Structures are given as C-alpha cells and as structure tokens.
Protein backbone atom coordinates (compact mmCIF):
# COMPACT_ATOMS: atom_id res chain seq x y z
CA UNK A 1 -22.80 11.96 39.62
CA UNK A 2 -19.89 13.65 37.83
CA UNK A 3 -21.20 17.05 38.94
CA UNK A 4 -20.74 16.02 42.59
CA UNK A 5 -17.06 15.33 41.94
CA UNK A 6 -16.71 18.72 40.26
CA UNK A 7 -18.37 20.43 43.24
CA UNK A 8 -15.74 18.81 45.46
CA UNK A 9 -12.91 19.96 43.19
CA UNK A 10 -12.42 16.47 41.75
CA UNK A 11 -13.12 14.94 38.38
CA UNK A 12 -14.74 11.78 37.13
CA UNK A 13 -13.12 9.53 34.57
CA UNK A 14 -15.11 6.75 32.93
CA UNK A 15 -13.29 3.62 31.82
CA UNK A 16 -14.20 0.37 30.11
CA UNK A 17 -14.42 -2.27 32.83
CA UNK A 18 -14.00 -5.31 30.57
CA UNK A 19 -11.16 -7.55 31.70
CA UNK A 20 -10.32 -5.66 34.90
CA UNK A 21 -10.92 -8.72 37.08
CA UNK A 22 -9.08 -11.08 34.77
CA UNK A 23 -5.96 -9.06 33.88
CA UNK A 24 -3.18 -9.08 36.47
CA UNK A 25 -2.55 -5.53 37.68
CA UNK A 26 1.17 -6.27 38.10
CA UNK A 27 2.16 -7.92 34.80
CA UNK A 28 -1.00 -7.69 32.67
CA UNK A 29 -1.22 -11.46 32.18
CA UNK A 30 -4.84 -12.57 31.56
CA UNK A 31 -6.13 -14.90 34.29
CA UNK A 32 -9.75 -15.77 33.38
CA UNK A 33 -11.86 -16.94 36.31
CA UNK A 34 -15.48 -17.67 37.18
CA UNK A 35 -17.38 -15.21 39.36
CA UNK A 36 -17.20 -17.72 42.22
CA UNK A 37 -13.40 -17.39 42.33
CA UNK A 38 -12.73 -14.48 44.72
CA UNK A 39 -8.92 -14.51 44.74
CA UNK A 40 -6.71 -13.39 41.86
CA UNK A 41 -3.67 -15.67 41.54
CA UNK A 42 -1.35 -14.88 38.64
CA UNK A 43 0.66 -17.87 37.38
CA UNK A 44 2.98 -15.50 35.49
CA UNK A 45 4.25 -13.18 38.27
CA UNK A 46 2.86 -14.80 41.43
CA UNK A 47 0.61 -11.86 42.41
CA UNK A 48 -2.06 -13.00 44.91
CA UNK A 49 -4.80 -10.65 46.11
CA UNK A 50 -8.54 -10.22 46.33
CA UNK A 51 -10.20 -10.25 42.92
CA UNK A 52 -11.92 -6.90 43.54
CA UNK A 53 -8.70 -5.20 44.67
CA UNK A 54 -7.00 -6.41 41.50
CA UNK A 55 -9.88 -5.03 39.41
CA UNK A 56 -9.87 -1.68 41.24
CA UNK A 57 -6.15 -1.23 40.59
CA UNK A 58 -6.72 -1.97 36.89
CA UNK A 59 -9.60 0.54 36.80
CA UNK A 60 -7.41 3.18 38.43
CA UNK A 61 -4.60 2.56 35.94
CA UNK A 62 -7.03 2.93 33.03
CA UNK A 63 -8.35 6.18 34.48
CA UNK A 64 -4.84 7.57 34.95
CA UNK A 65 -3.84 6.59 31.43
CA UNK A 66 -6.99 8.34 30.24
CA UNK A 67 -8.09 5.76 27.72
CA UNK A 68 -10.09 7.05 24.80
CA UNK A 69 -13.64 5.72 24.62
CA UNK A 70 -15.35 5.26 21.27
CA UNK A 71 -18.71 7.04 21.04
CA UNK A 72 -20.41 3.67 20.54
CA UNK A 73 -19.27 2.32 23.96
CA UNK A 74 -22.34 0.87 25.74
CA UNK A 75 -23.08 2.43 29.10
CA UNK A 76 -23.10 -1.03 30.71
CA UNK A 77 -19.38 -1.34 29.94
CA UNK A 78 -18.45 1.80 31.87
CA UNK A 79 -17.41 1.98 35.49
CA UNK A 80 -18.29 5.21 37.23
CA UNK A 81 -17.99 6.92 40.58
CA UNK A 82 -18.27 4.07 43.11
CA UNK A 83 -15.56 1.90 41.55
CA UNK A 84 -13.40 4.97 41.04
CA UNK A 85 -13.79 5.89 44.71
CA UNK A 86 -12.69 2.39 45.71
CA UNK A 87 -9.69 2.60 43.40
CA UNK A 88 -8.84 6.06 44.71
CA UNK A 89 -8.91 4.80 48.30
CA UNK A 90 -6.36 2.11 47.40
CA UNK A 91 -3.67 4.68 46.71
CA UNK A 92 -4.72 7.19 49.36
CA UNK A 93 -5.77 10.10 47.14
C-alpha cells in the first residue's frame, strides 16, 4: 500500500502500535484498560476522549517523530496506512 501513497505524492510511515491505546496522548501517563473500555480517562492530566482517538494521536506523534524500528520488529506490531489515514484526518492534513 505504500506505493499508493507515493503515487499521490504522500509517504507512508510505519510505527510500533504497542501502548498507543494505553498511553495518554497529552501527558504520556500509562492508563492500562481492557478492550471493553472505550473511553480514555487520564487520572494524571484529566484528558478524556475516545480510546481510538487517543491511540490515533499517539500513532501520528510516533510517525512524526520518525521512530527507528529494529529489523526484528514483527509485522503484527506495525500500524500501516488505515490507522495513519485516521491519524492524518485528526489534524487536517
């Protein structure tokens, strides 16, 4: 799918998705939760938002930072185009 982004003049950045739902996108405080919990509520900074929105913002931040991925990173740990598109839509790019 990366070639489709290149055809559109965009690029694809792959990031490790571990912890993106748990970490607060405002302060970074870890807030572990079961999959049934759909709202992110940070006891540290008071941030309250949908769990998936919180994760998308964390994914976008990781893509912008351009984290280095070790060669041994399992494919299952990577988030690709669809999550990136959601994160991109959040900031209006």
